[in-house]
Amino acid sequence: MAARGDAPPGAPVDTLLICDDADDALLAALEPVVHRWVAGGQPPPLVLTAREWRTSADTFAIEYADIRASHRVLAGADPWAGIV
């Protein structure tokens, strides 16, 4: 809803982080930022590796369709290349 611009003020913002590796170093670096995000009333981000993202479209087809319909890329490459 937020990406489409029709979310009410203060509505939760779902976030997805697609990364090369979701290792301990990344999670440790994200911890303070995610802590503040969640303390502010937002749901924690979904963190997937690029491989997990590419190989799970068939398993989560409904969720992917919803994400595709209302996503906004904040940084990095468009994650939809090669996803059908």
PDB file of N, CA and C in Angstrom:
ATOM      1  N   MET A   1       0.810  -1.185   0.000  1.00  0.00           N
ATOM      2  CA  MET A   1       0.000   0.000   0.000  1.00  0.00           C
ATOM      3  C   MET A   1       0.862   1.261   0.000  1.00  0.00           C
ATOM      4  N   ALA A   2       1.914   1.247   0.801  1.00  0.00           N
ATOM      5  CA  ALA A   2       2.759   2.444   0.865  1.00  0.00           C
ATOM      6  C   ALA A   2       3.430   2.707  -0.472  1.00  0.00           C
ATOM      7  N   ALA A   3       3.871   1.651  -1.155  1.00  0.00           N
ATOM      8  CA  ALA A   3       4.534   1.828  -2.446  1.00  0.00           C
ATOM      9  C   ALA A   3       3.575   2.382  -3.492  1.00  0.00           C
ATOM     10  N   ARG A   4       2.292   2.043  -3.362  1.00  0.00           N
ATOM     11  CA  ARG A   4       1.299   2.556  -4.306  1.00  0.00           C
ATOM     12  C   ARG A   4       0.872   3.975  -3.951  1.00  0.00           C
ATOM     13  N   GLY A   5       1.190   4.401  -2.736  1.00  0.00           N
ATOM     14  CA  GLY A   5       0.810   5.739  -2.313  1.00  0.00           C
ATOM     15  C   GLY A   5      -0.565   5.832  -1.704  1.00  0.00           C
ATOM     16  N   ASP A   6      -1.203   4.690  -1.401  1.00  0.00           N
ATOM     17  CA  ASP A   6      -2.549   4.750  -0.846  1.00  0.00           C
ATOM     18  C   ASP A   6      -2.628   4.203   0.578  1.00  0.00           C
ATOM     19  N   ALA A   7      -1.500   4.168   1.284  1.00  0.00           N
ATOM     20  CA  ALA A   7      -1.504   3.719   2.674  1.00  0.00           C
ATOM     21  C   ALA A   7      -1.912   4.869   3.585  1.00  0.00           C
ATOM     22  N   PRO A   8      -2.692   4.565   4.603  1.00  0.00           N
ATOM     23  CA  PRO A   8      -3.026   5.627   5.557  1.00  0.00           C
ATOM     24  C   PRO A   8      -1.781   6.036   6.350  1.00  0.00           C
ATOM     25  N   PRO A   9      -1.743   7.241   6.861  1.00  0.00           N
ATOM     26  CA  PRO A   9      -0.588   7.678   7.650  1.00  0.00           C
ATOM     27  C   PRO A   9      -0.323   6.715   8.808  1.00  0.00           C
ATOM     28  N   GLY A  10       0.933   6.366   8.991  1.00  0.00           N
ATOM     29  CA  GLY A  10       1.316   5.470  10.080  1.00  0.00           C
ATOM     30  C   GLY A  10       1.126   3.995   9.791  1.00  0.00           C
ATOM     31  N   ALA A  11       0.659   3.655   8.583  1.00  0.00           N
ATOM     32  CA  ALA A  11       0.463   2.245   8.248  1.00  0.00           C
ATOM     33  C   ALA A  11       1.812   1.533   8.169  1.00  0.00           C
ATOM     34  N   PRO A  12       1.844   0.238   8.483  1.00  0.00           N
ATOM     35  CA  PRO A  12       3.100  -0.498   8.400  1.00  0.00           C
ATOM     36  C   PRO A  12       3.623  -0.540   6.964  1.00  0.00           C
ATOM     37  N   VAL A  13       4.936  -0.548   6.852  1.00  0.00           N
ATOM     38  CA  VAL A  13       5.601  -0.611   5.554  1.00  0.00           C
ATOM     39  C   VAL A  13       6.375  -1.929   5.499  1.00  0.00           C
ATOM     40  N   ASP A  14       5.941  -2.830   4.638  1.00  0.00           N
ATOM     41  CA  ASP A  14       6.644  -4.094   4.469  1.00  0.00           C
ATOM     42  C   ASP A  14       7.893  -3.859   3.627  1.00  0.00           C
ATOM     43  N   THR A  15       9.012  -4.431   4.063  1.00  0.00           N
ATOM     44  CA  THR A  15      10.265  -4.266   3.339  1.00  0.00           C
ATOM     45  C   THR A  15      10.888  -5.624   3.057  1.00  0.00           C
ATOM     46  N   LEU A  16      11.588  -5.676   1.941  1.00  0.00           N
ATOM     47  CA  LEU A  16      12.291  -6.877   1.500  1.00  0.00           C
ATOM     48  C   LEU A  16      13.710  -6.467   1.152  1.00  0.00           C
ATOM     49  N   LEU A  17      14.672  -7.162   1.730  1.00  0.00           N
ATOM     50  CA  LEU A  17      16.075  -6.930   1.420  1.00  0.00           C
ATOM     51  C   LEU A  17      16.596  -8.165   0.703  1.00  0.00           C
ATOM     52  N   ILE A  18      17.042  -7.979  -0.534  1.00  0.00           N
ATOM     53  CA  ILE A  18      17.635  -9.064  -1.305  1.00  0.00           C
ATOM     54  C   ILE A  18      19.131  -8.816  -1.343  1.00  0.00           C
ATOM     55  N   CYS A  19      19.890  -9.761  -0.847  1.00  0.00           N
ATOM     56  CA  CYS A  19      21.335  -9.574  -0.715  1.00  0.00           C
ATOM     57  C   CYS A  19      22.087 -10.764  -1.293  1.00  0.00           C
ATOM     58  N   ASP A  20      23.375 -10.582  -1.507  1.00  0.00           N
ATOM     59  CA  ASP A  20      24.202 -11.674  -2.015  1.00  0.00           C
ATOM     60  C   ASP A  20      24.306 -12.794  -0.998  1.00  0.00           C
ATOM     61  N   ASP A  21      24.592 -12.443   0.247  1.00  0.00           N
ATOM     62  CA  ASP A  21      24.731 -13.418   1.326  1.00  0.00           C
ATOM     63  C   ASP A  21      24.043 -12.891   2.572  1.00  0.00           C
ATOM     64  N   ALA A  22      23.261 -13.727   3.219  1.00  0.00           N
ATOM     65  CA  ALA A  22      22.641 -13.361   4.494  1.00  0.00           C
ATOM     66  C   ALA A  22      23.429 -14.058   5.591  1.00  0.00           C
ATOM     67  N   ASP A  23      24.616 -13.546   5.843  1.00  0.00           N
ATOM     68  CA  ASP A  23      25.497 -14.174   6.825  1.00  0.00           C
ATOM     69  C   ASP A  23      25.474 -13.391   8.143  1.00  0.00           C
ATOM     70  N   ASP A  24      26.230 -13.887   9.116  1.00  0.00           N
ATOM     71  CA  ASP A  24      26.257 -13.250  10.431  1.00  0.00           C
ATOM     72  C   ASP A  24      26.706 -11.796  10.364  1.00  0.00           C
ATOM     73  N   ALA A  25      27.662 -11.495   9.500  1.00  0.00           N
ATOM     74  CA  ALA A  25      28.166 -10.126   9.393  1.00  0.00           C
ATOM     75  C   ALA A  25      27.057  -9.180   8.916  1.00  0.00           C
ATOM     76  N   LEU A  26      26.295  -9.581   7.925  1.00  0.00           N
ATOM     77  CA  LEU A  26      25.203  -8.739   7.433  1.00  0.00           C
ATOM     78  C   LEU A  26      24.157  -8.544   8.526  1.00  0.00           C
ATOM     79  N   LEU A  27      23.758  -9.630   9.164  1.00  0.00           N
ATOM     80  CA  LEU A  27      22.727  -9.531  10.190  1.00  0.00           C
ATOM     81  C   LEU A  27      23.193  -8.667  11.359  1.00  0.00           C
ATOM     82  N   ALA A  28      24.456  -8.760  11.722  1.00  0.00           N
ATOM     83  CA  ALA A  28      24.985  -7.907  12.790  1.00  0.00           C
ATOM     84  C   ALA A  28      24.963  -6.440  12.380  1.00  0.00           C
ATOM     85  N   ALA A  29      25.298  -6.156  11.129  1.00  0.00           N
ATOM     86  CA  ALA A  29      25.277  -4.773  10.644  1.00  0.00           C
ATOM     87  C   ALA A  29      23.850  -4.224  10.591  1.00  0.00           C
ATOM     88  N   LEU A  30      22.887  -5.070  10.267  1.00  0.00           N
ATOM     89  CA  LEU A  30      21.494  -4.638  10.169  1.00  0.00           C
ATOM     90  C   LEU A  30      20.812  -4.490  11.522  1.00  0.00           C
ATOM     91  N   GLU A  31      21.315  -5.170  12.525  1.00  0.00           N
ATOM     92  CA  GLU A  31      20.630  -5.246  13.816  1.00  0.00           C
ATOM     93  C   GLU A  31      20.233  -3.895  14.397  1.00  0.00           C
ATOM     94  N   PRO A  32      21.120  -2.903  14.489  1.00  0.00           N
ATOM     95  CA  PRO A  32      20.683  -1.630  15.084  1.00  0.00           C
ATOM     96  C   PRO A  32      19.637  -0.900  14.246  1.00  0.00           C
ATOM     97  N   VAL A  33      19.749  -0.997  12.941  1.00  0.00           N
ATOM     98  CA  VAL A  33      18.784  -0.326  12.058  1.00  0.00           C
ATOM     99  C   VAL A  33      17.427  -1.008  12.155  1.00  0.00           C
ATOM    100  N   VAL A  34      17.427  -2.335  12.123  1.00  0.00           N
ATOM    101  CA  VAL A  34      16.168  -3.085  12.213  1.00  0.00           C
ATOM    102  C   VAL A  34      15.533  -2.868  13.585  1.00  0.00           C
ATOM    103  N   HIS A  35      16.340  -2.804  14.618  1.00  0.00           N
ATOM    104  CA  HIS A  35      15.811  -2.557  15.960  1.00  0.00           C
ATOM    105  C   HIS A  35      15.044  -1.226  15.999  1.00  0.00           C
ATOM    106  N   ARG A  36      15.636  -0.172  15.439  1.00  0.00           N
ATOM    107  CA  ARG A  36      14.959   1.137  15.406  1.00  0.00           C
ATOM    108  C   ARG A  36      13.696   1.081  14.540  1.00  0.00           C
ATOM    109  N   TRP A  37      13.783   0.385  13.402  1.00  0.00           N
ATOM    110  CA  TRP A  37      12.640   0.249  12.483  1.00  0.00           C
ATOM    111  C   TRP A  37      11.464  -0.411  13.206  1.00  0.00           C
ATOM    112  N   VAL A  38      11.742  -1.517  13.893  1.00  0.00           N
ATOM    113  CA  VAL A  38      10.689  -2.255  14.597  1.00  0.00           C
ATOM    114  C   VAL A  38      10.192  -1.456  15.809  1.00  0.00           C
ATOM    115  N   ALA A  39      11.096  -0.804  16.520  1.00  0.00           N
ATOM    116  CA  ALA A  39      10.694   0.028  17.661  1.00  0.00           C
ATOM    117  C   ALA A  39       9.774   1.163  17.218  1.00  0.00           C
ATOM    118  N   GLY A  40       9.905   1.577  15.965  1.00  0.00           N
ATOM    119  CA  GLY A  40       9.044   2.610  15.405  1.00  0.00           C
ATOM    120  C   GLY A  40       7.706   2.095  14.920  1.00  0.00           C
ATOM    121  N   GLY A  41       7.438   0.821  15.158  1.00  0.00           N
ATOM    122  CA  GLY A  41       6.134   0.250  14.806  1.00  0.00           C
ATOM    123  C   GLY A  41       6.073  -0.435  13.462  1.00  0.00           C
ATOM    124  N   GLN A  42       7.209  -0.614  12.811  1.00  0.00           N
ATOM    125  CA  GLN A  42       7.225  -1.265  11.495  1.00  0.00           C
ATOM    126  C   GLN A  42       7.548  -2.757  11.635  1.00  0.00           C
ATOM    127  N   PRO A  43       7.037  -3.581  10.730  1.00  0.00           N
ATOM    128  CA  PRO A  43       7.390  -5.003  10.768  1.00  0.00           C
ATOM    129  C   PRO A  43       8.846  -5.194  10.336  1.00  0.00           C
ATOM    130  N   PRO A  44       9.508  -6.213  10.869  1.00  0.00           N
ATOM    131  CA  PRO A  44      10.899  -6.441  10.453  1.00  0.00           C
ATOM    132  C   PRO A  44      10.963  -6.772   8.963  1.00  0.00           C
ATOM    133  N   PRO A  45      12.067  -6.434   8.310  1.00  0.00           N
ATOM    134  CA  PRO A  45      12.179  -6.732   6.877  1.00  0.00           C
ATOM    135  C   PRO A  45      12.338  -8.224   6.638  1.00  0.00           C
ATOM    136  N   LEU A  46      11.899  -8.656   5.493  1.00  0.00           N
ATOM    137  CA  LEU A  46      12.175 -10.006   5.024  1.00  0.00           C
ATOM    138  C   LEU A  46      13.537  -9.947   4.348  1.00  0.00           C
ATOM    139  N   VAL A  47      14.455 -10.807   4.758  1.00  0.00           N
ATOM    140  CA  VAL A  47      15.799 -10.828   4.201  1.00  0.00           C
ATOM    141  C   VAL A  47      15.983 -12.135   3.441  1.00  0.00           C
ATOM    142  N   LEU A  48      16.249 -12.030   2.146  1.00  0.00           N
ATOM    143  CA  LEU A  48      16.478 -13.197   1.292  1.00  0.00           C
ATOM    144  C   LEU A  48      17.768 -13.006   0.516  1.00  0.00           C
ATOM    145  N   THR A  49      18.434 -14.108   0.239  1.00  0.00           N
ATOM    146  CA  THR A  49      19.556 -14.021  -0.691  1.00  0.00           C
ATOM    147  C   THR A  49      18.980 -13.936  -2.103  1.00  0.00           C
ATOM    148  N   ALA A  50      19.792 -13.482  -3.026  1.00  0.00           N
ATOM    149  CA  ALA A  50      19.349 -13.398  -4.417  1.00  0.00           C
ATOM    150  C   ALA A  50      18.922 -14.769  -4.920  1.00  0.00           C
ATOM    151  N   ARG A  51      19.641 -15.799  -4.516  1.00  0.00           N
ATOM    152  CA  ARG A  51      19.285 -17.169  -4.934  1.00  0.00           C
ATOM    153  C   ARG A  51      17.925 -17.571  -4.355  1.00  0.00           C
ATOM    154  N   GLU A  52      17.697 -17.287  -3.070  1.00  0.00           N
ATOM    155  CA  GLU A  52      16.401 -17.603  -2.454  1.00  0.00           C
ATOM    156  C   GLU A  52      15.277 -16.858  -3.162  1.00  0.00           C
ATOM    157  N   TRP A  53      15.521 -15.600  -3.497  1.00  0.00           N
ATOM    158  CA  TRP A  53      14.516 -14.801  -4.190  1.00  0.00           C
ATOM    159  C   TRP A  53      14.161 -15.424  -5.536  1.00  0.00           C
ATOM    160  N   ARG A  54      15.186 -15.771  -6.316  1.00  0.00           N
ATOM    161  CA  ARG A  54      14.953 -16.317  -7.662  1.00  0.00           C
ATOM    162  C   ARG A  54      14.307 -17.692  -7.636  1.00  0.00           C
ATOM    163  N   THR A  55      14.595 -18.498  -6.633  1.00  0.00           N
ATOM    164  CA  THR A  55      14.113 -19.880  -6.636  1.00  0.00           C
ATOM    165  C   THR A  55      12.833 -20.103  -5.844  1.00  0.00           C
ATOM    166  N   SER A  56      12.292 -19.063  -5.235  1.00  0.00           N
ATOM    167  CA  SER A  56      11.084 -19.267  -4.428  1.00  0.00           C
ATOM    168  C   SER A  56       9.823 -18.680  -5.053  1.00  0.00           C
ATOM    169  N   ALA A  57       9.921 -18.158  -6.252  1.00  0.00           N
ATOM    170  CA  ALA A  57       8.747 -17.549  -6.886  1.00  0.00           C
ATOM    171  C   ALA A  57       7.619 -18.551  -7.071  1.00  0.00           C
ATOM    172  N   ASP A  58       7.942 -19.795  -7.393  1.00  0.00           N
ATOM    173  CA  ASP A  58       6.886 -20.784  -7.591  1.00  0.00           C
ATOM    174  C   ASP A  58       6.254 -21.206  -6.266  1.00  0.00           C
ATOM    175  N   THR A  59       6.993 -21.152  -5.191  1.00  0.00           N
ATOM    176  CA  THR A  59       6.475 -21.533  -3.877  1.00  0.00           C
ATOM    177  C   THR A  59       5.569 -20.455  -3.295  1.00  0.00           C
ATOM    178  N   PHE A  60       5.915 -19.203  -3.525  1.00  0.00           N
ATOM    179  CA  PHE A  60       5.168 -18.082  -2.971  1.00  0.00           C
ATOM    180  C   PHE A  60       4.561 -17.238  -4.086  1.00  0.00           C
ATOM    181  N   ALA A  61       3.897 -17.881  -5.013  1.00  0.00           N
ATOM    182  CA  ALA A  61       3.378 -17.190  -6.202  1.00  0.00           C
ATOM    183  C   ALA A  61       2.415 -16.058  -5.851  1.00  0.00           C
ATOM    184  N   ILE A  62       1.537 -16.253  -4.897  1.00  0.00           N
ATOM    185  CA  ILE A  62       0.573 -15.209  -4.527  1.00  0.00           C
ATOM    186  C   ILE A  62       1.293 -14.019  -3.907  1.00  0.00           C
ATOM    187  N   GLU A  63       2.236 -14.300  -3.007  1.00  0.00           N
ATOM    188  CA  GLU A  63       2.990 -13.221  -2.369  1.00  0.00           C
ATOM    189  C   GLU A  63       3.815 -12.455  -3.394  1.00  0.00           C
ATOM    190  N   TYR A  64       4.437 -13.175  -4.322  1.00  0.00           N
ATOM    191  CA  TYR A  64       5.234 -12.518  -5.355  1.00  0.00           C
ATOM    192  C   TYR A  64       4.360 -11.639  -6.241  1.00  0.00           C
ATOM    193  N   ALA A  65       3.158 -12.113  -6.563  1.00  0.00           N
ATOM    194  CA  ALA A  65       2.249 -11.314  -7.386  1.00  0.00           C
ATOM    195  C   ALA A  65       1.874 -10.025  -6.662  1.00  0.00           C
ATOM    196  N   ASP A  66       1.650 -10.108  -5.362  1.00  0.00           N
ATOM    197  CA  ASP A  66       1.326  -8.915  -4.584  1.00  0.00           C
ATOM    198  C   ASP A  66       2.514  -7.959  -4.535  1.00  0.00           C
ATOM    199  N   ILE A  67       3.699  -8.499  -4.316  1.00  0.00           N
ATOM    200  CA  ILE A  67       4.901  -7.657  -4.290  1.00  0.00           C
ATOM    201  C   ILE A  67       5.107  -6.992  -5.639  1.00  0.00           C
ATOM    202  N   ARG A  68       4.966  -7.759  -6.702  1.00  0.00           N
ATOM    203  CA  ARG A  68       5.172  -7.202  -8.045  1.00  0.00           C
ATOM    204  C   ARG A  68       4.191  -6.073  -8.333  1.00  0.00           C
ATOM    205  N   ALA A  69       2.959  -6.230  -7.890  1.00  0.00           N
ATOM    206  CA  ALA A  69       1.927  -5.234  -8.182  1.00  0.00           C
ATOM    207  C   ALA A  69       2.162  -3.917  -7.461  1.00  0.00           C
ATOM    208  N   SER A  70       2.869  -3.959  -6.335  1.00  0.00           N
ATOM    209  CA  SER A  70       2.963  -2.714  -5.571  1.00  0.00           C
ATOM    210  C   SER A  70       4.343  -2.485  -4.958  1.00  0.00           C
ATOM    211  N   HIS A  71       5.369  -2.919  -5.650  1.00  0.00           N
ATOM    212  CA  HIS A  71       6.723  -2.718  -5.111  1.00  0.00           C
ATOM    213  C   HIS A  71       7.326  -1.393  -5.565  1.00  0.00           C
ATOM    214  N   ARG A  72       8.329  -0.994  -4.839  1.00  0.00           N
ATOM    215  CA  ARG A  72       9.136   0.161  -5.212  1.00  0.00           C
ATOM    216  C   ARG A  72      10.581  -0.196  -4.860  1.00  0.00           C
ATOM    217  N   VAL A  73      11.479  -0.085  -5.827  1.00  0.00           N
ATOM    218  CA  VAL A  73      12.894  -0.359  -5.593  1.00  0.00           C
ATOM    219  C   VAL A  73      13.505   0.884  -4.955  1.00  0.00           C
ATOM    220  N   LEU A  74      14.075   0.720  -3.766  1.00  0.00           N
ATOM    221  CA  LEU A  74      14.691   1.848  -3.075  1.00  0.00           C
ATOM    222  C   LEU A  74      16.180   1.953  -3.374  1.00  0.00           C
ATOM    223  N   ALA A  75      16.813   0.826  -3.656  1.00  0.00           N
ATOM    224  CA  ALA A  75      18.243   0.826  -3.995  1.00  0.00           C
ATOM    225  C   ALA A  75      18.552  -0.489  -4.697  1.00  0.00           C
ATOM    226  N   GLY A  76      19.564  -0.441  -5.560  1.00  0.00           N
ATOM    227  CA  GLY A  76      19.996  -1.658  -6.238  1.00  0.00           C
ATOM    228  C   GLY A  76      19.221  -1.915  -7.511  1.00  0.00           C
ATOM    229  N   ALA A  77      19.431  -3.103  -8.025  1.00  0.00           N
ATOM    230  CA  ALA A  77      18.822  -3.518  -9.299  1.00  0.00           C
ATOM    231  C   ALA A  77      17.364  -3.930  -9.105  1.00  0.00           C
ATOM    232  N   ASP A  78      16.608  -3.857 -10.168  1.00  0.00           N
ATOM    233  CA  ASP A  78      15.231  -4.327 -10.147  1.00  0.00           C
ATOM    234  C   ASP A  78      15.232  -5.833  -9.916  1.00  0.00           C
ATOM    235  N   PRO A  79      14.582  -6.329  -8.869  1.00  0.00           N
ATOM    236  CA  PRO A  79      14.636  -7.750  -8.547  1.00  0.00           C
ATOM    237  C   PRO A  79      13.796  -8.636  -9.453  1.00  0.00           C
ATOM    238  N   TRP A  80      13.026  -8.047 -10.370  1.00  0.00           N
ATOM    239  CA  TRP A  80      12.127  -8.837 -11.180  1.00  0.00           C
ATOM    240  C   TRP A  80      12.748  -9.388 -12.447  1.00  0.00           C
ATOM    241  N   ALA A  81      13.974  -8.998 -12.779  1.00  0.00           N
ATOM    242  CA  ALA A  81      14.628  -9.538 -13.980  1.00  0.00           C
ATOM    243  C   ALA A  81      14.728 -11.062 -13.859  1.00  0.00           C
ATOM    244  N   GLY A  82      14.131 -11.766 -14.802  1.00  0.00           N
ATOM    245  CA  GLY A  82      14.180 -13.222 -14.814  1.00  0.00           C
ATOM    246  C   GLY A  82      13.122 -13.912 -13.979  1.00  0.00           C
ATOM    247  N   ILE A  83      12.273 -13.172 -13.281  1.00  0.00           N
ATOM    248  CA  ILE A  83      11.211 -13.763 -12.467  1.00  0.00           C
ATOM    249  C   ILE A  83       9.915 -13.719 -13.274  1.00  0.00           C
ATOM    250  N   VAL A  84       9.303 -14.864 -13.454  1.00  0.00           N
ATOM    251  CA  VAL A  84       8.022 -14.936 -14.156  1.00  0.00           C
ATOM    252  C   VAL A  84       6.961 -15.546 -13.278  1.00  0.00           C
TER     253      VAL A  84
END
